């Protein structure tokens, strides 16, 4: 007489089968992959050019500070 499968294993198997057959998650997965395809290259560019970006932002911030120091509200 064959043994009955354990109930928890049957539940897990059924859940995996439902997940495999369900197409609702495909749309979410596609969106996630598209976002990843955009974000990962941008992140790579930020890492590669971080020195130049830091220098550029520091220069721009310095210009803003210089302009604010020379600002005359009575002008």
PDB file of N, CA and C in Angstrom:
ATOM      1  N   UNK A   1       0.840  -1.176   0.000  1.00  0.00           N
ATOM      2  CA  UNK A   1       0.000   0.000   0.000  1.00  0.00           C
ATOM      3  C   UNK A   1       0.885   1.240   0.000  1.00  0.00           C
ATOM      4  N   UNK A   2       0.753   2.116  -1.006  1.00  0.00           N
ATOM      5  CA  UNK A   2       1.604   3.305  -1.073  1.00  0.00           C
ATOM      6  C   UNK A   2       1.246   4.297   0.023  1.00  0.00           C
ATOM      7  N   UNK A   3       2.261   4.998   0.454  1.00  0.00           N
ATOM      8  CA  UNK A   3       2.044   5.983   1.498  1.00  0.00           C
ATOM      9  C   UNK A   3       1.416   7.236   0.904  1.00  0.00           C
ATOM     10  N   UNK A   4       0.579   7.870   1.712  1.00  0.00           N
ATOM     11  CA  UNK A   4      -0.022   9.125   1.281  1.00  0.00           C
ATOM     12  C   UNK A   4       1.030  10.227   1.390  1.00  0.00           C
ATOM     13  N   UNK A   5       1.075  11.110   0.408  1.00  0.00           N
ATOM     14  CA  UNK A   5       2.048  12.208   0.510  1.00  0.00           C
ATOM     15  C   UNK A   5       1.678  13.106   1.676  1.00  0.00           C
ATOM     16  N   UNK A   6       2.678  13.697   2.245  1.00  0.00           N
ATOM     17  CA  UNK A   6       2.441  14.606   3.352  1.00  0.00           C
ATOM     18  C   UNK A   6       1.658  15.804   2.849  1.00  0.00           C
ATOM     19  N   UNK A   7       0.713  16.228   3.641  1.00  0.00           N
ATOM     20  CA  UNK A   7      -0.149  17.354   3.257  1.00  0.00           C
ATOM     21  C   UNK A   7       0.643  18.629   2.960  1.00  0.00           C
ATOM     22  N   UNK A   8       1.654  19.019   3.773  1.00  0.00           N
ATOM     23  CA  UNK A   8       2.402  20.243   3.470  1.00  0.00           C
ATOM     24  C   UNK A   8       3.115  20.176   2.118  1.00  0.00           C
ATOM     25  N   UNK A   9       3.648  19.021   1.776  1.00  0.00           N
ATOM     26  CA  UNK A   9       4.326  18.900   0.484  1.00  0.00           C
ATOM     27  C   UNK A   9       3.345  19.036  -0.666  1.00  0.00           C
ATOM     28  N   UNK A  10       2.157  18.508  -0.490  1.00  0.00           N
ATOM     29  CA  UNK A  10       1.123  18.623  -1.517  1.00  0.00           C
ATOM     30  C   UNK A  10       0.711  20.084  -1.688  1.00  0.00           C
ATOM     31  N   UNK A  11       0.576  20.795  -0.580  1.00  0.00           N
ATOM     32  CA  UNK A  11       0.215  22.220  -0.654  1.00  0.00           C
ATOM     33  C   UNK A  11       1.287  23.013  -1.379  1.00  0.00           C
ATOM     34  N   UNK A  12       2.542  22.729  -1.086  1.00  0.00           N
ATOM     35  CA  UNK A  12       3.640  23.441  -1.739  1.00  0.00           C
ATOM     36  C   UNK A  12       3.652  23.127  -3.234  1.00  0.00           C
ATOM     37  N   UNK A  13       3.467  21.858  -3.558  1.00  0.00           N
ATOM     38  CA  UNK A  13       3.446  21.460  -4.969  1.00  0.00           C
ATOM     39  C   UNK A  13       2.313  22.155  -5.702  1.00  0.00           C
ATOM     40  N   UNK A  14       1.129  22.186  -5.106  1.00  0.00           N
ATOM     41  CA  UNK A  14      -0.020  22.849  -5.728  1.00  0.00           C
ATOM     42  C   UNK A  14       0.235  24.340  -5.902  1.00  0.00           C
ATOM     43  N   UNK A  15       0.861  24.966  -4.912  1.00  0.00           N
ATOM     44  CA  UNK A  15       1.158  26.399  -5.001  1.00  0.00           C
ATOM     45  C   UNK A  15       2.151  26.674  -6.127  1.00  0.00           C
ATOM     46  N   UNK A  16       3.149  25.827  -6.277  1.00  0.00           N
ATOM     47  CA  UNK A  16       4.132  25.996  -7.347  1.00  0.00           C
ATOM     48  C   UNK A  16       3.480  25.814  -8.710  1.00  0.00           C
ATOM     49  N   UNK A  17       2.605  24.851  -8.835  1.00  0.00           N
ATOM     50  CA  UNK A  17       1.893  24.624 -10.103  1.00  0.00           C
ATOM     51  C   UNK A  17       1.014  25.821 -10.439  1.00  0.00           C
ATOM     52  N   UNK A  18       0.288  26.345  -9.436  1.00  0.00           N
ATOM     53  CA  UNK A  18      -0.547  27.531  -9.676  1.00  0.00           C
ATOM     54  C   UNK A  18       0.299  28.726 -10.078  1.00  0.00           C
ATOM     55  N   UNK A  19       1.430  28.908  -9.435  1.00  0.00           N
ATOM     56  CA  UNK A  19       2.322  30.019  -9.754  1.00  0.00           C
ATOM     57  C   UNK A  19       2.869  29.884 -11.171  1.00  0.00           C
ATOM     58  N   UNK A  20       3.206  28.661 -11.563  1.00  0.00           N
ATOM     59  CA  UNK A  20       3.742  28.421 -12.908  1.00  0.00           C
ATOM     60  C   UNK A  20       2.694  28.702 -13.979  1.00  0.00           C
ATOM     61  N   UNK A  21       1.457  28.331 -13.721  1.00  0.00           N
ATOM     62  CA  UNK A  21       0.392  28.491 -14.714  1.00  0.00           C
ATOM     63  C   UNK A  21      -0.223  29.889 -14.728  1.00  0.00           C
ATOM     64  N   UNK A  22      -0.062  30.633 -13.655  1.00  0.00           N
ATOM     65  CA  UNK A  22      -0.667  31.960 -13.543  1.00  0.00           C
ATOM     66  C   UNK A  22       0.075  32.948 -14.430  1.00  0.00           C
ATOM     67  N   UNK A  23      -0.668  33.715 -15.217  1.00  0.00           N
ATOM     68  CA  UNK A  23      -0.066  34.700 -16.098  1.00  0.00           C
ATOM     69  C   UNK A  23      -0.202  36.114 -15.554  1.00  0.00           C
ATOM     70  N   UNK A  24      -0.821  36.286 -14.406  1.00  0.00           N
ATOM     71  CA  UNK A  24      -0.968  37.614 -13.829  1.00  0.00           C
ATOM     72  C   UNK A  24       0.380  38.200 -13.432  1.00  0.00           C
ATOM     73  N   UNK A  25       1.284  37.375 -12.972  1.00  0.00           N
ATOM     74  CA  UNK A  25       2.590  37.850 -12.546  1.00  0.00           C
ATOM     75  C   UNK A  25       3.507  38.197 -13.704  1.00  0.00           C
ATOM     76  N   UNK A  26       3.183  37.740 -14.903  1.00  0.00           N
ATOM     77  CA  UNK A  26       4.038  37.990 -16.062  1.00  0.00           C
ATOM     78  C   UNK A  26       4.123  39.480 -16.364  1.00  0.00           C
ATOM     79  N   UNK A  27       3.011  40.189 -16.249  1.00  0.00           N
ATOM     80  CA  UNK A  27       3.011  41.624 -16.536  1.00  0.00           C
ATOM     81  C   UNK A  27       3.882  42.373 -15.532  1.00  0.00           C
ATOM     82  N   UNK A  28       3.765  42.029 -14.276  1.00  0.00           N
ATOM     83  CA  UNK A  28       4.599  42.658 -13.254  1.00  0.00           C
ATOM     84  C   UNK A  28       6.069  42.351 -13.456  1.00  0.00           C
ATOM     85  N   UNK A  29       6.358  41.125 -13.835  1.00  0.00           N
ATOM     86  CA  UNK A  29       7.735  40.733 -14.087  1.00  0.00           C
ATOM     87  C   UNK A  29       8.300  41.479 -15.287  1.00  0.00           C
ATOM     88  N   UNK A  30       7.497  41.643 -16.324  1.00  0.00           N
ATOM     89  CA  UNK A  30       7.944  42.385 -17.504  1.00  0.00           C
ATOM     90  C   UNK A  30       8.250  43.838 -17.143  1.00  0.00           C
ATOM     91  N   UNK A  31       7.387  44.452 -16.346  1.00  0.00           N
ATOM     92  CA  UNK A  31       7.643  45.825 -15.913  1.00  0.00           C
ATOM     93  C   UNK A  31       8.927  45.911 -15.108  1.00  0.00           C
ATOM     94  N   UNK A  32       9.130  44.957 -14.220  1.00  0.00           N
ATOM     95  CA  UNK A  32      10.332  44.932 -13.402  1.00  0.00           C
ATOM     96  C   UNK A  32      11.585  44.785 -14.266  1.00  0.00           C
ATOM     97  N   UNK A  33      11.523  43.938 -15.278  1.00  0.00           N
ATOM     98  CA  UNK A  33      12.668  43.751 -16.171  1.00  0.00           C
ATOM     99  C   UNK A  33      12.946  45.004 -16.988  1.00  0.00           C
ATOM    100  N   UNK A  34      11.904  45.678 -17.441  1.00  0.00           N
ATOM    101  CA  UNK A  34      12.088  46.918 -18.200  1.00  0.00           C
ATOM    102  C   UNK A  34      12.716  47.991 -17.314  1.00  0.00           C
ATOM    103  N   UNK A  35      12.210  48.127 -16.105  1.00  0.00           N
ATOM    104  CA  UNK A  35      12.776  49.110 -15.176  1.00  0.00           C
ATOM    105  C   UNK A  35      14.233  48.761 -14.883  1.00  0.00           C
ATOM    106  N   UNK A  36      14.515  47.494 -14.686  1.00  0.00           N
ATOM    107  CA  UNK A  36      15.895  47.064 -14.442  1.00  0.00           C
ATOM    108  C   UNK A  36      16.797  47.346 -15.626  1.00  0.00           C
ATOM    109  N   UNK A  37      16.268  47.179 -16.834  1.00  0.00           N
ATOM    110  CA  UNK A  37      17.055  47.441 -18.037  1.00  0.00           C
ATOM    111  C   UNK A  37      17.377  48.929 -18.176  1.00  0.00           C
ATOM    112  N   UNK A  38      16.585  49.779 -17.578  1.00  0.00           N
ATOM    113  CA  UNK A  38      16.843  51.214 -17.626  1.00  0.00           C
ATOM    114  C   UNK A  38      17.729  51.627 -16.452  1.00  0.00           C
ATOM    115  N   UNK A  39      17.440  51.132 -15.274  1.00  0.00           N
ATOM    116  CA  UNK A  39      18.131  51.576 -14.053  1.00  0.00           C
ATOM    117  C   UNK A  39      19.570  51.075 -13.998  1.00  0.00           C
ATOM    118  N   UNK A  40      19.825  49.852 -14.370  1.00  0.00           N
ATOM    119  CA  UNK A  40      21.169  49.286 -14.243  1.00  0.00           C
ATOM    120  C   UNK A  40      22.190  50.036 -15.106  1.00  0.00           C
ATOM    121  N   UNK A  41      21.906  50.334 -16.380  1.00  0.00           N
ATOM    122  CA  UNK A  41      22.881  51.136 -17.140  1.00  0.00           C
ATOM    123  C   UNK A  41      23.070  52.548 -16.567  1.00  0.00           C
ATOM    124  N   UNK A  42      21.976  53.168 -16.098  1.00  0.00           N
ATOM    125  CA  UNK A  42      22.111  54.494 -15.499  1.00  0.00           C
ATOM    126  C   UNK A  42      22.968  54.447 -14.242  1.00  0.00           C
ATOM    127  N   UNK A  43      22.771  53.430 -13.441  1.00  0.00           N
ATOM    128  CA  UNK A  43      23.582  53.266 -12.239  1.00  0.00           C
ATOM    129  C   UNK A  43      25.052  53.071 -12.610  1.00  0.00           C
ATOM    130  N   UNK A  44      25.300  52.306 -13.649  1.00  0.00           N
ATOM    131  CA  UNK A  44      26.671  52.116 -14.124  1.00  0.00           C
ATOM    132  C   UNK A  44      27.301  53.428 -14.566  1.00  0.00           C
ATOM    133  N   UNK A  45      26.542  54.245 -15.286  1.00  0.00           N
ATOM    134  CA  UNK A  45      27.057  55.547 -15.712  1.00  0.00           C
ATOM    135  C   UNK A  45      27.346  56.451 -14.523  1.00  0.00           C
ATOM    136  N   UNK A  46      26.469  56.436 -13.523  1.00  0.00           N
ATOM    137  CA  UNK A  46      26.699  57.238 -12.329  1.00  0.00           C
ATOM    138  C   UNK A  46      27.961  56.795 -11.597  1.00  0.00           C
ATOM    139  N   UNK A  47      28.205  55.508 -11.560  1.00  0.00           N
ATOM    140  CA  UNK A  47      29.404  55.000 -10.891  1.00  0.00           C
ATOM    141  C   UNK A  47      30.656  55.365 -11.690  1.00  0.00           C
ATOM    142  N   UNK A  48      30.596  55.213 -13.000  1.00  0.00           N
ATOM    143  CA  UNK A  48      31.752  55.503 -13.844  1.00  0.00           C
ATOM    144  C   UNK A  48      32.112  56.982 -13.798  1.00  0.00           C
ATOM    145  N   UNK A  49      31.098  57.851 -13.872  1.00  0.00           N
ATOM    146  CA  UNK A  49      31.349  59.284 -13.947  1.00  0.00           C
ATOM    147  C   UNK A  49      31.136  60.000 -12.612  1.00  0.00           C
ATOM    148  N   UNK A  50      31.223  59.283 -11.510  1.00  0.00           N
ATOM    149  CA  UNK A  50      30.948  59.899 -10.213  1.00  0.00           C
ATOM    150  C   UNK A  50      31.900  61.039  -9.894  1.00  0.00           C
ATOM    151  N   UNK A  51      33.163  60.929 -10.296  1.00  0.00           N
ATOM    152  CA  UNK A  51      34.128  61.998 -10.043  1.00  0.00           C
ATOM    153  C   UNK A  51      33.754  63.272 -10.781  1.00  0.00           C
ATOM    154  N   UNK A  52      33.395  63.133 -12.046  1.00  0.00           N
ATOM    155  CA  UNK A  52      33.013  64.301 -12.844  1.00  0.00           C
ATOM    156  C   UNK A  52      31.697  64.899 -12.359  1.00  0.00           C
ATOM    157  N   UNK A  53      30.779  64.043 -11.973  1.00  0.00           N
ATOM    158  CA  UNK A  53      29.488  64.529 -11.470  1.00  0.00           C
ATOM    159  C   UNK A  53      29.682  65.277 -10.158  1.00  0.00           C
ATOM    160  N   UNK A  54      30.532  64.737  -9.291  1.00  0.00           N
ATOM    161  CA  UNK A  54      30.813  65.399  -8.012  1.00  0.00           C
ATOM    162  C   UNK A  54      31.448  66.768  -8.253  1.00  0.00           C
ATOM    163  N   UNK A  55      32.423  66.811  -9.149  1.00  0.00           N
ATOM    164  CA  UNK A  55      33.094  68.078  -9.474  1.00  0.00           C
ATOM    165  C   UNK A  55      32.104  69.087 -10.055  1.00  0.00           C
ATOM    166  N   UNK A  56      31.264  68.634 -10.946  1.00  0.00           N
ATOM    167  CA  UNK A  56      30.283  69.516 -11.586  1.00  0.00           C
ATOM    168  C   UNK A  56      29.306  70.079 -10.560  1.00  0.00           C
ATOM    169  N   UNK A  57      28.798  69.222  -9.675  1.00  0.00           N
ATOM    170  CA  UNK A  57      27.838  69.701  -8.675  1.00  0.00           C
ATOM    171  C   UNK A  57      28.505  70.646  -7.680  1.00  0.00           C
ATOM    172  N   UNK A  58      29.754  70.372  -7.308  1.00  0.00           N
ATOM    173  CA  UNK A  58      30.460  71.279  -6.408  1.00  0.00           C
ATOM    174  C   UNK A  58      30.690  72.640  -7.061  1.00  0.00           C
ATOM    175  N   UNK A  59      31.043  72.647  -8.346  1.00  0.00           N
ATOM    176  CA  UNK A  59      31.221  73.913  -9.064  1.00  0.00           C
ATOM    177  C   UNK A  59      29.909  74.681  -9.157  1.00  0.00           C
ATOM    178  N   UNK A  60      28.840  73.971  -9.458  1.00  0.00           N
ATOM    179  CA  UNK A  60      27.536  74.633  -9.562  1.00  0.00           C
ATOM    180  C   UNK A  60      27.107  75.187  -8.203  1.00  0.00           C
ATOM    181  N   UNK A  61      27.329  74.433  -7.133  1.00  0.00           N
ATOM    182  CA  UNK A  61      26.966  74.892  -5.796  1.00  0.00           C
ATOM    183  C   UNK A  61      27.815  76.105  -5.405  1.00  0.00           C
ATOM    184  N   UNK A  62      29.089  76.074  -5.773  1.00  0.00           N
ATOM    185  CA  UNK A  62      29.953  77.230  -5.512  1.00  0.00           C
ATOM    186  C   UNK A  62      29.457  78.472  -6.235  1.00  0.00           C
ATOM    187  N   UNK A  63      29.012  78.309  -7.481  1.00  0.00           N
ATOM    188  CA  UNK A  63      28.451  79.437  -8.237  1.00  0.00           C
ATOM    189  C   UNK A  63      27.196  79.983  -7.558  1.00  0.00           C
ATOM    190  N   UNK A  64      26.359  79.103  -7.059  1.00  0.00           N
ATOM    191  CA  UNK A  64      25.138  79.528  -6.372  1.00  0.00           C
ATOM    192  C   UNK A  64      25.496  80.311  -5.109  1.00  0.00           C
ATOM    193  N   UNK A  65      26.476  79.815  -4.359  1.00  0.00           N
ATOM    194  CA  UNK A  65      26.892  80.515  -3.141  1.00  0.00           C
ATOM    195  C   UNK A  65      27.496  81.880  -3.471  1.00  0.00           C
ATOM    196  N   UNK A  66      28.320  81.942  -4.516  1.00  0.00           N
ATOM    197  CA  UNK A  66      28.912  83.226  -4.920  1.00  0.00           C
ATOM    198  C   UNK A  66      27.835  84.218  -5.330  1.00  0.00           C
ATOM    199  N   UNK A  67      26.857  83.748  -6.084  1.00  0.00           N
ATOM    200  CA  UNK A  67      25.768  84.628  -6.516  1.00  0.00           C
ATOM    201  C   UNK A  67      24.931  85.095  -5.329  1.00  0.00           C
ATOM    202  N   UNK A  68      24.745  84.233  -4.338  1.00  0.00           N
ATOM    203  CA  UNK A  68      23.935  84.623  -3.188  1.00  0.00           C
ATOM    204  C   UNK A  68      24.680  85.620  -2.293  1.00  0.00           C
ATOM    205  N   UNK A  69      25.999  85.533  -2.249  1.00  0.00           N
ATOM    206  CA  UNK A  69      26.783  86.475  -1.449  1.00  0.00           C
ATOM    207  C   UNK A  69      26.811  87.862  -2.077  1.00  0.00           C
ATOM    208  N   UNK A  70      26.775  87.918  -3.389  1.00  0.00           N
ATOM    209  CA  UNK A  70      26.830  89.200  -4.075  1.00  0.00           C
ATOM    210  C   UNK A  70      25.434  89.772  -4.334  1.00  0.00           C
ATOM    211  N   UNK A  71      24.411  89.139  -3.826  1.00  0.00           N
ATOM    212  CA  UNK A  71      23.035  89.577  -4.033  1.00  0.00           C
ATOM    213  C   UNK A  71      22.749  90.822  -3.194  1.00  0.00           C
ATOM    214  N   UNK A  72      22.228  91.818  -3.832  1.00  0.00           N
ATOM    215  CA  UNK A  72      21.858  93.057  -3.140  1.00  0.00           C
ATOM    216  C   UNK A  72      20.351  93.206  -3.228  1.00  0.00           C
ATOM    217  N   UNK A  73      19.636  93.063  -2.108  1.00  0.00           N
ATOM    218  CA  UNK A  73      18.177  93.135  -2.163  1.00  0.00           C
ATOM    219  C   UNK A  73      17.655  94.545  -2.488  1.00  0.00           C
ATOM    220  N   UNK A  74      18.485  95.560  -2.331  1.00  0.00           N
ATOM    221  CA  UNK A  74      18.065  96.931  -2.626  1.00  0.00           C
ATOM    222  C   UNK A  74      18.275  97.309  -4.074  1.00  0.00           C
ATOM    223  N   UNK A  75      18.789  96.414  -4.869  1.00  0.00           N
ATOM    224  CA  UNK A  75      19.078  96.712  -6.260  1.00  0.00           C
ATOM    225  C   UNK A  75      17.863  96.758  -7.093  1.00  0.00           C
TER     226      UNK A  75
END
